[in-house]
Amino acid sequence: MNTDMIKDSNVSAICEQFKRDDFKFKEEKFDYLDVLLATGVQYNMSWLKTTQVNIFAFMGVVEKISMEFAVAYSRMTLSYAMKNHKNIPKHMNNITASFPLLISSCIDEDAKQWIQQKPKSQLGFIEMPVILDTGNNTLLYCNEATRRSGNKKFLANLIQKYFSTTSA
């Protein structure tokens, strides 16, 4: 694992959350950005069905986040998740979720607005971009999903579980 990434206290705290659920870690590079990737599985259980959620959580620490950078990063990470997800037995209901997390204390207003838009989904893949604003220790993501039930609400709860660096 990239020791420079782990030295960041936020990344370290997030990794500890993922380790509790037996996630695997891998270093990746997207353009010039070193990224730590956590992959694992969670299950969304309801009265009617159980959905296997294959998770790709990409963690990148940057000096400044612009909307253009956040959009490009999100697209690159979703493309990676689509190419690298494992085939799941057809009898199991499943989705693959991509959580492109950017960590910074300097975030443009347009990036803050963009990150809070409705999660994007296509063909069993859901993209839920996340920004951790280290300036005020706030998670930014589409919180519209928390007002709904089902998989998007479950994914919003996973964002709080894994990416929140404040003690509850």
N, C-alpha and C. Protein backbone atom coordinates (compact mmCIF):
# COMPACT_ATOMS: atom_id res chain seq x y z
N MET A 1 0.83 -1.18 0.00
CA MET A 1 0.00 0.00 0.00
C MET A 1 0.87 1.25 0.00
N ASN A 2 0.38 2.27 -0.64
CA ASN A 2 1.10 3.53 -0.74
C ASN A 2 1.21 4.17 0.65
N THR A 3 2.41 4.20 1.19
CA THR A 3 2.59 4.72 2.55
C THR A 3 2.30 6.21 2.62
N ASP A 4 2.51 6.97 1.52
CA ASP A 4 2.18 8.39 1.53
C ASP A 4 0.68 8.60 1.70
N MET A 5 -0.11 7.77 1.01
CA MET A 5 -1.57 7.88 1.13
C MET A 5 -2.01 7.51 2.55
N ILE A 6 -1.44 6.46 3.11
CA ILE A 6 -1.83 6.00 4.44
C ILE A 6 -1.42 7.01 5.51
N LYS A 7 -0.37 7.80 5.26
CA LYS A 7 0.05 8.81 6.23
C LYS A 7 -1.01 9.89 6.40
N ASP A 8 -1.85 10.08 5.38
CA ASP A 8 -2.95 11.03 5.50
C ASP A 8 -3.93 10.47 6.53
N SER A 9 -4.20 11.22 7.58
CA SER A 9 -5.03 10.71 8.68
C SER A 9 -6.44 10.36 8.22
N ASN A 10 -6.98 11.09 7.25
CA ASN A 10 -8.31 10.78 6.75
C ASN A 10 -8.33 9.45 6.00
N VAL A 11 -7.36 9.23 5.14
CA VAL A 11 -7.27 7.97 4.39
C VAL A 11 -7.08 6.82 5.37
N SER A 12 -6.23 7.01 6.35
CA SER A 12 -5.98 5.98 7.35
C SER A 12 -7.27 5.60 8.08
N ALA A 13 -8.04 6.59 8.50
CA ALA A 13 -9.30 6.33 9.21
C ALA A 13 -10.30 5.61 8.32
N ILE A 14 -10.37 6.01 7.06
CA ILE A 14 -11.29 5.37 6.11
C ILE A 14 -10.87 3.93 5.85
N CYS A 15 -9.57 3.70 5.70
CA CYS A 15 -9.07 2.33 5.48
C CYS A 15 -9.42 1.42 6.65
N GLU A 16 -9.34 1.93 7.85
CA GLU A 16 -9.70 1.13 9.03
C GLU A 16 -11.16 0.69 8.96
N GLN A 17 -12.04 1.56 8.50
CA GLN A 17 -13.45 1.19 8.35
C GLN A 17 -13.61 0.06 7.33
N PHE A 18 -12.91 0.18 6.21
CA PHE A 18 -12.99 -0.87 5.17
C PHE A 18 -12.39 -2.18 5.65
N LYS A 19 -11.28 -2.12 6.40
CA LYS A 19 -10.64 -3.35 6.88
C LYS A 19 -11.58 -4.16 7.77
N ARG A 20 -12.43 -3.48 8.53
CA ARG A 20 -13.39 -4.19 9.40
C ARG A 20 -14.33 -5.08 8.62
N ASP A 21 -14.57 -4.75 7.35
CA ASP A 21 -15.46 -5.54 6.51
C ASP A 21 -14.70 -6.33 5.45
N ASP A 22 -13.42 -6.59 5.72
CA ASP A 22 -12.57 -7.45 4.87
C ASP A 22 -12.43 -6.97 3.43
N PHE A 23 -12.35 -5.65 3.23
CA PHE A 23 -12.10 -5.12 1.90
C PHE A 23 -10.64 -5.36 1.53
N LYS A 24 -10.38 -5.47 0.24
CA LYS A 24 -9.03 -5.61 -0.30
C LYS A 24 -8.58 -4.25 -0.82
N PHE A 25 -7.27 -4.01 -0.74
CA PHE A 25 -6.72 -2.72 -1.16
C PHE A 25 -5.74 -2.90 -2.30
N LYS A 26 -5.73 -1.89 -3.18
CA LYS A 26 -4.85 -1.92 -4.34
C LYS A 26 -4.51 -0.48 -4.71
N GLU A 27 -3.28 -0.26 -5.13
CA GLU A 27 -2.87 1.07 -5.60
C GLU A 27 -3.14 1.17 -7.09
N GLU A 28 -3.66 2.32 -7.50
CA GLU A 28 -3.91 2.59 -8.92
C GLU A 28 -3.42 4.00 -9.22
N LYS A 29 -3.32 4.29 -10.51
CA LYS A 29 -2.93 5.64 -10.94
C LYS A 29 -3.90 6.07 -12.04
N PHE A 30 -4.53 7.22 -11.84
CA PHE A 30 -5.40 7.81 -12.85
C PHE A 30 -4.76 9.12 -13.27
N ASP A 31 -4.28 9.14 -14.50
CA ASP A 31 -3.46 10.24 -14.99
C ASP A 31 -2.29 10.43 -14.02
N TYR A 32 -2.19 11.58 -13.38
CA TYR A 32 -1.08 11.84 -12.46
C TYR A 32 -1.43 11.55 -11.00
N LEU A 33 -2.67 11.16 -10.73
CA LEU A 33 -3.14 11.01 -9.36
C LEU A 33 -2.98 9.58 -8.85
N ASP A 34 -2.25 9.45 -7.74
CA ASP A 34 -2.16 8.15 -7.06
C ASP A 34 -3.43 7.94 -6.27
N VAL A 35 -4.03 6.78 -6.46
CA VAL A 35 -5.32 6.47 -5.84
C VAL A 35 -5.21 5.14 -5.09
N LEU A 36 -5.86 5.09 -3.95
CA LEU A 36 -5.97 3.83 -3.22
C LEU A 36 -7.38 3.30 -3.46
N LEU A 37 -7.46 2.06 -3.92
CA LEU A 37 -8.73 1.44 -4.25
C LEU A 37 -9.06 0.37 -3.21
N ALA A 38 -10.26 0.45 -2.65
CA ALA A 38 -10.76 -0.58 -1.74
C ALA A 38 -11.91 -1.29 -2.44
N THR A 39 -11.87 -2.62 -2.47
CA THR A 39 -12.95 -3.38 -3.09
C THR A 39 -13.49 -4.39 -2.10
N GLY A 40 -14.80 -4.57 -2.16
CA GLY A 40 -15.44 -5.52 -1.26
C GLY A 40 -16.91 -5.67 -1.62
N VAL A 41 -17.62 -6.41 -0.79
CA VAL A 41 -19.02 -6.72 -1.02
C VAL A 41 -19.82 -6.45 0.24
N GLN A 42 -20.98 -5.88 0.07
CA GLN A 42 -21.96 -5.71 1.16
C GLN A 42 -23.30 -6.22 0.64
N TYR A 43 -24.22 -6.50 1.54
CA TYR A 43 -25.53 -7.02 1.15
C TYR A 43 -26.63 -6.11 1.68
N ASN A 44 -27.52 -5.71 0.77
CA ASN A 44 -28.68 -4.90 1.13
C ASN A 44 -29.87 -5.86 1.24
N MET A 45 -30.28 -6.11 2.48
CA MET A 45 -31.37 -7.07 2.71
C MET A 45 -32.67 -6.34 2.97
N SER A 46 -33.72 -6.79 2.30
CA SER A 46 -35.05 -6.23 2.52
C SER A 46 -36.04 -7.39 2.62
N TRP A 47 -37.29 -7.05 2.83
CA TRP A 47 -38.31 -8.09 2.95
C TRP A 47 -38.43 -8.91 1.67
N LEU A 48 -38.25 -8.26 0.54
CA LEU A 48 -38.51 -8.92 -0.73
C LEU A 48 -37.29 -9.58 -1.37
N LYS A 49 -36.12 -9.03 -1.12
CA LYS A 49 -34.93 -9.57 -1.78
C LYS A 49 -33.66 -9.13 -1.07
N THR A 50 -32.59 -9.81 -1.42
CA THR A 50 -31.26 -9.43 -0.97
C THR A 50 -30.46 -9.05 -2.20
N THR A 51 -29.82 -7.91 -2.15
CA THR A 51 -29.01 -7.44 -3.26
C THR A 51 -27.54 -7.44 -2.86
N GLN A 52 -26.72 -8.09 -3.68
CA GLN A 52 -25.28 -8.05 -3.46
C GLN A 52 -24.76 -6.76 -4.07
N VAL A 53 -24.04 -5.97 -3.26
CA VAL A 53 -23.49 -4.70 -3.73
C VAL A 53 -21.97 -4.85 -3.79
N ASN A 54 -21.44 -4.85 -5.01
CA ASN A 54 -20.00 -4.92 -5.24
C ASN A 54 -19.46 -3.51 -5.19
N ILE A 55 -18.53 -3.24 -4.28
CA ILE A 55 -18.09 -1.88 -4.02
C ILE A 55 -16.68 -1.63 -4.53
N PHE A 56 -16.53 -0.52 -5.25
CA PHE A 56 -15.24 0.01 -5.67
C PHE A 56 -15.14 1.40 -5.05
N ALA A 57 -14.28 1.56 -4.07
CA ALA A 57 -14.09 2.86 -3.41
C ALA A 57 -12.69 3.37 -3.75
N PHE A 58 -12.65 4.48 -4.48
CA PHE A 58 -11.40 5.07 -4.93
C PHE A 58 -11.10 6.28 -4.05
N MET A 59 -9.91 6.33 -3.46
CA MET A 59 -9.56 7.44 -2.55
C MET A 59 -8.37 8.20 -3.11
N GLY A 60 -8.57 9.50 -3.33
CA GLY A 60 -7.51 10.35 -3.84
C GLY A 60 -7.42 11.63 -3.04
N VAL A 61 -6.20 12.02 -2.68
CA VAL A 61 -5.97 13.26 -1.94
C VAL A 61 -5.38 14.28 -2.91
N VAL A 62 -6.04 15.45 -3.00
CA VAL A 62 -5.59 16.50 -3.92
C VAL A 62 -5.57 17.84 -3.20
N GLU A 63 -4.81 18.78 -3.77
CA GLU A 63 -4.73 20.12 -3.18
C GLU A 63 -6.01 20.91 -3.39
N LYS A 64 -6.58 20.80 -4.62
CA LYS A 64 -7.77 21.58 -4.95
C LYS A 64 -8.68 20.74 -5.84
N ILE A 65 -10.00 20.88 -5.62
CA ILE A 65 -10.98 20.15 -6.43
C ILE A 65 -11.81 21.15 -7.23
N SER A 66 -11.69 21.05 -8.55
CA SER A 66 -12.55 21.83 -9.44
C SER A 66 -13.64 20.90 -9.95
N MET A 67 -14.70 21.47 -10.50
CA MET A 67 -15.77 20.63 -11.04
C MET A 67 -15.24 19.78 -12.19
N GLU A 68 -14.43 20.35 -13.05
CA GLU A 68 -13.90 19.62 -14.20
C GLU A 68 -13.08 18.41 -13.74
N PHE A 69 -12.26 18.61 -12.71
CA PHE A 69 -11.45 17.52 -12.20
C PHE A 69 -12.34 16.44 -11.56
N ALA A 70 -13.33 16.85 -10.77
CA ALA A 70 -14.22 15.89 -10.11
C ALA A 70 -14.99 15.06 -11.14
N VAL A 71 -15.48 15.70 -12.19
CA VAL A 71 -16.21 14.99 -13.25
C VAL A 71 -15.30 13.99 -13.95
N ALA A 72 -14.10 14.42 -14.33
CA ALA A 72 -13.16 13.53 -15.02
C ALA A 72 -12.76 12.35 -14.13
N TYR A 73 -12.47 12.61 -12.88
CA TYR A 73 -12.10 11.56 -11.93
C TYR A 73 -13.24 10.55 -11.77
N SER A 74 -14.44 11.05 -11.63
CA SER A 74 -15.60 10.20 -11.47
C SER A 74 -15.80 9.29 -12.69
N ARG A 75 -15.65 9.85 -13.87
CA ARG A 75 -15.79 9.06 -15.11
C ARG A 75 -14.71 7.99 -15.22
N MET A 76 -13.48 8.35 -14.89
CA MET A 76 -12.38 7.38 -14.97
C MET A 76 -12.59 6.23 -14.00
N THR A 77 -13.03 6.55 -12.79
CA THR A 77 -13.20 5.50 -11.80
C THR A 77 -14.39 4.59 -12.14
N LEU A 78 -15.48 5.17 -12.66
CA LEU A 78 -16.62 4.34 -13.07
C LEU A 78 -16.23 3.42 -14.21
N SER A 79 -15.48 3.93 -15.16
CA SER A 79 -15.00 3.11 -16.27
C SER A 79 -14.15 1.94 -15.75
N TYR A 80 -13.28 2.23 -14.78
CA TYR A 80 -12.46 1.19 -14.18
C TYR A 80 -13.35 0.13 -13.51
N ALA A 81 -14.34 0.56 -12.75
CA ALA A 81 -15.24 -0.38 -12.06
C ALA A 81 -15.99 -1.24 -13.07
N MET A 82 -16.44 -0.64 -14.16
CA MET A 82 -17.18 -1.39 -15.18
C MET A 82 -16.30 -2.45 -15.85
N LYS A 83 -15.05 -2.11 -16.05
CA LYS A 83 -14.13 -3.06 -16.70
C LYS A 83 -13.64 -4.14 -15.75
N ASN A 84 -13.60 -3.86 -14.46
CA ASN A 84 -12.96 -4.78 -13.51
C ASN A 84 -13.89 -5.46 -12.53
N HIS A 85 -15.20 -5.28 -12.65
CA HIS A 85 -16.10 -5.99 -11.73
C HIS A 85 -16.10 -7.47 -12.08
N LYS A 86 -16.31 -8.28 -11.08
CA LYS A 86 -16.32 -9.73 -11.29
C LYS A 86 -17.72 -10.17 -11.73
N ASN A 87 -17.76 -11.19 -12.56
CA ASN A 87 -19.05 -11.72 -12.97
C ASN A 87 -19.72 -12.40 -11.79
N ILE A 88 -20.96 -12.11 -11.59
CA ILE A 88 -21.73 -12.64 -10.47
C ILE A 88 -22.73 -13.65 -11.03
N PRO A 89 -23.04 -14.71 -10.30
CA PRO A 89 -24.06 -15.65 -10.79
C PRO A 89 -25.35 -14.93 -11.15
N LYS A 90 -25.97 -15.33 -12.25
CA LYS A 90 -27.15 -14.63 -12.76
C LYS A 90 -28.36 -14.73 -11.84
N HIS A 91 -28.40 -15.72 -10.97
CA HIS A 91 -29.57 -15.88 -10.10
C HIS A 91 -29.54 -14.89 -8.92
N MET A 92 -28.43 -14.20 -8.72
CA MET A 92 -28.34 -13.27 -7.59
C MET A 92 -28.58 -11.84 -8.07
N ASN A 93 -29.43 -11.13 -7.36
CA ASN A 93 -29.65 -9.72 -7.65
C ASN A 93 -28.41 -8.96 -7.19
N ASN A 94 -27.79 -8.19 -8.08
CA ASN A 94 -26.57 -7.48 -7.70
C ASN A 94 -26.42 -6.18 -8.45
N ILE A 95 -25.64 -5.28 -7.85
CA ILE A 95 -25.25 -4.03 -8.47
C ILE A 95 -23.78 -3.79 -8.16
N THR A 96 -23.16 -2.94 -8.94
CA THR A 96 -21.78 -2.53 -8.67
C THR A 96 -21.80 -1.02 -8.41
N ALA A 97 -21.25 -0.63 -7.28
CA ALA A 97 -21.23 0.78 -6.89
C ALA A 97 -19.81 1.32 -6.94
N SER A 98 -19.67 2.46 -7.59
CA SER A 98 -18.39 3.16 -7.65
C SER A 98 -18.48 4.40 -6.77
N PHE A 99 -17.58 4.48 -5.80
CA PHE A 99 -17.50 5.63 -4.90
C PHE A 99 -16.18 6.36 -5.15
N PRO A 100 -16.14 7.33 -6.07
CA PRO A 100 -14.92 8.10 -6.27
C PRO A 100 -14.81 9.19 -5.20
N LEU A 101 -13.94 8.98 -4.23
CA LEU A 101 -13.76 9.93 -3.14
C LEU A 101 -12.55 10.81 -3.41
N LEU A 102 -12.76 12.12 -3.33
CA LEU A 102 -11.67 13.08 -3.38
C LEU A 102 -11.58 13.77 -2.03
N ILE A 103 -10.36 13.91 -1.52
CA ILE A 103 -10.13 14.52 -0.22
C ILE A 103 -9.31 15.78 -0.41
N SER A 104 -9.84 16.90 0.11
CA SER A 104 -9.16 18.18 -0.04
C SER A 104 -9.74 19.20 0.92
N SER A 105 -8.98 20.26 1.16
CA SER A 105 -9.51 21.37 1.96
C SER A 105 -9.91 22.54 1.07
N CYS A 106 -9.61 22.45 -0.22
CA CYS A 106 -9.91 23.53 -1.16
C CYS A 106 -10.81 23.00 -2.27
N ILE A 107 -12.10 23.36 -2.19
CA ILE A 107 -13.09 22.83 -3.13
C ILE A 107 -13.85 23.99 -3.76
N ASP A 108 -13.86 24.03 -5.09
CA ASP A 108 -14.61 25.06 -5.81
C ASP A 108 -16.11 24.88 -5.55
N GLU A 109 -16.84 25.98 -5.56
CA GLU A 109 -18.30 25.94 -5.34
C GLU A 109 -19.01 25.10 -6.39
N ASP A 110 -18.57 25.20 -7.67
CA ASP A 110 -19.23 24.42 -8.71
C ASP A 110 -19.01 22.92 -8.50
N ALA A 111 -17.88 22.53 -7.94
CA ALA A 111 -17.65 21.11 -7.62
C ALA A 111 -18.59 20.66 -6.50
N LYS A 112 -18.80 21.53 -5.51
CA LYS A 112 -19.72 21.21 -4.42
C LYS A 112 -21.14 21.03 -4.95
N GLN A 113 -21.54 21.88 -5.89
CA GLN A 113 -22.87 21.76 -6.49
C GLN A 113 -23.00 20.48 -7.31
N TRP A 114 -21.99 20.19 -8.12
CA TRP A 114 -22.03 19.02 -8.99
C TRP A 114 -22.10 17.72 -8.18
N ILE A 115 -21.32 17.65 -7.12
CA ILE A 115 -21.23 16.40 -6.35
C ILE A 115 -22.56 16.04 -5.70
N GLN A 116 -23.42 17.02 -5.49
CA GLN A 116 -24.69 16.77 -4.81
C GLN A 116 -25.84 16.47 -5.77
N GLN A 117 -25.53 16.30 -7.07
CA GLN A 117 -26.56 15.94 -8.04
C GLN A 117 -26.97 14.48 -7.85
N LYS A 118 -28.06 14.12 -8.48
CA LYS A 118 -28.60 12.76 -8.40
C LYS A 118 -27.54 11.73 -8.83
N PRO A 119 -27.42 10.63 -8.08
CA PRO A 119 -26.46 9.58 -8.47
C PRO A 119 -26.75 9.07 -9.87
N LYS A 120 -25.70 8.78 -10.60
CA LYS A 120 -25.86 8.29 -11.97
C LYS A 120 -25.86 6.76 -11.96
N SER A 121 -26.73 6.17 -12.75
CA SER A 121 -26.74 4.71 -12.83
C SER A 121 -26.98 4.25 -14.25
N GLN A 122 -26.39 3.10 -14.58
CA GLN A 122 -26.59 2.49 -15.89
C GLN A 122 -26.25 1.01 -15.82
N LEU A 123 -27.15 0.19 -16.30
CA LEU A 123 -26.93 -1.25 -16.43
C LEU A 123 -26.32 -1.92 -15.20
N GLY A 124 -26.89 -1.68 -14.03
CA GLY A 124 -26.40 -2.33 -12.82
C GLY A 124 -25.21 -1.66 -12.17
N PHE A 125 -24.80 -0.50 -12.67
CA PHE A 125 -23.69 0.24 -12.10
C PHE A 125 -24.22 1.56 -11.56
N ILE A 126 -23.83 1.91 -10.34
CA ILE A 126 -24.22 3.18 -9.74
C ILE A 126 -22.96 3.94 -9.36
N GLU A 127 -22.94 5.22 -9.76
CA GLU A 127 -21.80 6.09 -9.49
C GLU A 127 -22.23 7.11 -8.44
N MET A 128 -21.56 7.10 -7.27
CA MET A 128 -21.88 8.04 -6.21
C MET A 128 -20.62 8.79 -5.78
N PRO A 129 -20.30 9.88 -6.47
CA PRO A 129 -19.11 10.66 -6.13
C PRO A 129 -19.21 11.25 -4.72
N VAL A 130 -18.06 11.33 -4.05
CA VAL A 130 -18.00 11.83 -2.68
C VAL A 130 -16.80 12.76 -2.56
N ILE A 131 -16.99 13.86 -1.83
CA ILE A 131 -15.87 14.75 -1.49
C ILE A 131 -15.81 14.84 0.03
N LEU A 132 -14.60 14.67 0.57
CA LEU A 132 -14.37 14.92 1.99
C LEU A 132 -13.67 16.26 2.09
N ASP A 133 -14.40 17.25 2.59
CA ASP A 133 -13.86 18.60 2.78
C ASP A 133 -13.12 18.62 4.11
N THR A 134 -11.80 18.56 4.05
CA THR A 134 -11.01 18.51 5.28
C THR A 134 -10.94 19.86 5.98
N GLY A 135 -11.34 20.92 5.28
CA GLY A 135 -11.37 22.24 5.90
C GLY A 135 -12.37 22.31 7.04
N ASN A 136 -13.51 21.64 6.86
CA ASN A 136 -14.52 21.62 7.93
C ASN A 136 -15.02 20.22 8.25
N ASN A 137 -14.27 19.20 7.79
CA ASN A 137 -14.56 17.79 8.06
C ASN A 137 -16.00 17.42 7.69
N THR A 138 -16.39 17.76 6.46
CA THR A 138 -17.74 17.51 5.97
C THR A 138 -17.71 16.60 4.76
N LEU A 139 -18.66 15.66 4.72
CA LEU A 139 -18.82 14.80 3.55
C LEU A 139 -19.83 15.45 2.61
N LEU A 140 -19.46 15.56 1.35
CA LEU A 140 -20.36 16.08 0.33
C LEU A 140 -20.69 14.95 -0.64
N TYR A 141 -21.98 14.71 -0.85
CA TYR A 141 -22.46 13.70 -1.80
C TYR A 141 -23.93 13.97 -2.03
N CYS A 142 -24.54 13.22 -2.90
CA CYS A 142 -25.96 13.42 -3.19
C CYS A 142 -26.78 12.89 -2.03
N ASN A 143 -27.24 13.78 -1.17
CA ASN A 143 -28.03 13.33 -0.02
C ASN A 143 -29.51 13.19 -0.38
N GLU A 144 -29.87 13.45 -1.64
CA GLU A 144 -31.23 13.18 -2.11
C GLU A 144 -31.53 11.69 -1.95
N ALA A 145 -30.50 10.87 -2.10
CA ALA A 145 -30.68 9.42 -2.01
C ALA A 145 -31.14 8.98 -0.62
N THR A 146 -30.84 9.74 0.41
CA THR A 146 -31.20 9.32 1.77
C THR A 146 -32.70 9.44 2.01
N ARG A 147 -33.41 10.19 1.17
CA ARG A 147 -34.85 10.33 1.35
C ARG A 147 -35.61 9.20 0.68
N ARG A 148 -34.92 8.36 -0.03
CA ARG A 148 -35.56 7.26 -0.74
C ARG A 148 -35.23 5.94 -0.04
N SER A 149 -35.92 4.92 -0.47
CA SER A 149 -35.60 3.60 0.07
C SER A 149 -34.83 2.82 -0.98
N GLY A 150 -34.47 1.61 -0.67
CA GLY A 150 -33.81 0.76 -1.64
C GLY A 150 -32.31 0.94 -1.70
N ASN A 151 -31.76 0.61 -2.87
CA ASN A 151 -30.31 0.57 -3.02
C ASN A 151 -29.63 1.93 -2.86
N LYS A 152 -30.23 3.00 -3.36
CA LYS A 152 -29.56 4.31 -3.25
C LYS A 152 -29.50 4.79 -1.81
N LYS A 153 -30.53 4.51 -1.04
CA LYS A 153 -30.48 4.85 0.39
C LYS A 153 -29.41 4.00 1.08
N PHE A 154 -29.35 2.71 0.74
CA PHE A 154 -28.34 1.82 1.29
C PHE A 154 -26.94 2.34 0.98
N LEU A 155 -26.72 2.79 -0.26
CA LEU A 155 -25.41 3.32 -0.67
C LEU A 155 -25.09 4.61 0.07
N ALA A 156 -26.08 5.46 0.28
CA ALA A 156 -25.86 6.69 1.05
C ALA A 156 -25.46 6.35 2.49
N ASN A 157 -26.06 5.31 3.05
CA ASN A 157 -25.67 4.88 4.40
C ASN A 157 -24.25 4.32 4.41
N LEU A 158 -23.84 3.64 3.32
CA LEU A 158 -22.46 3.15 3.23
C LEU A 158 -21.46 4.30 3.17
N ILE A 159 -21.84 5.39 2.52
CA ILE A 159 -20.97 6.57 2.46
C ILE A 159 -20.71 7.07 3.89
N GLN A 160 -21.76 7.17 4.69
CA GLN A 160 -21.60 7.60 6.08
C GLN A 160 -20.75 6.61 6.87
N LYS A 161 -21.00 5.33 6.67
CA LYS A 161 -20.27 4.28 7.40
C LYS A 161 -18.77 4.30 7.10
N TYR A 162 -18.43 4.37 5.82
CA TYR A 162 -17.03 4.21 5.43
C TYR A 162 -16.25 5.52 5.35
N PHE A 163 -16.88 6.60 4.92
CA PHE A 163 -16.13 7.81 4.63
C PHE A 163 -16.20 8.88 5.70
N SER A 164 -17.06 8.73 6.67
CA SER A 164 -17.13 9.71 7.76
C SER A 164 -15.92 9.53 8.67
N THR A 165 -15.19 10.62 8.89
CA THR A 165 -13.98 10.53 9.70
C THR A 165 -14.18 11.12 11.08
N THR A 166 -15.44 11.45 11.41
CA THR A 166 -15.73 11.97 12.75
C THR A 166 -16.38 10.87 13.57
N SER A 167 -16.10 10.84 14.84
CA SER A 167 -16.70 9.83 15.72
C SER A 167 -18.15 10.20 15.98
N ALA A 168 -18.99 9.19 15.95
CA ALA A 168 -20.42 9.44 16.20
C ALA A 168 -20.70 9.49 17.67
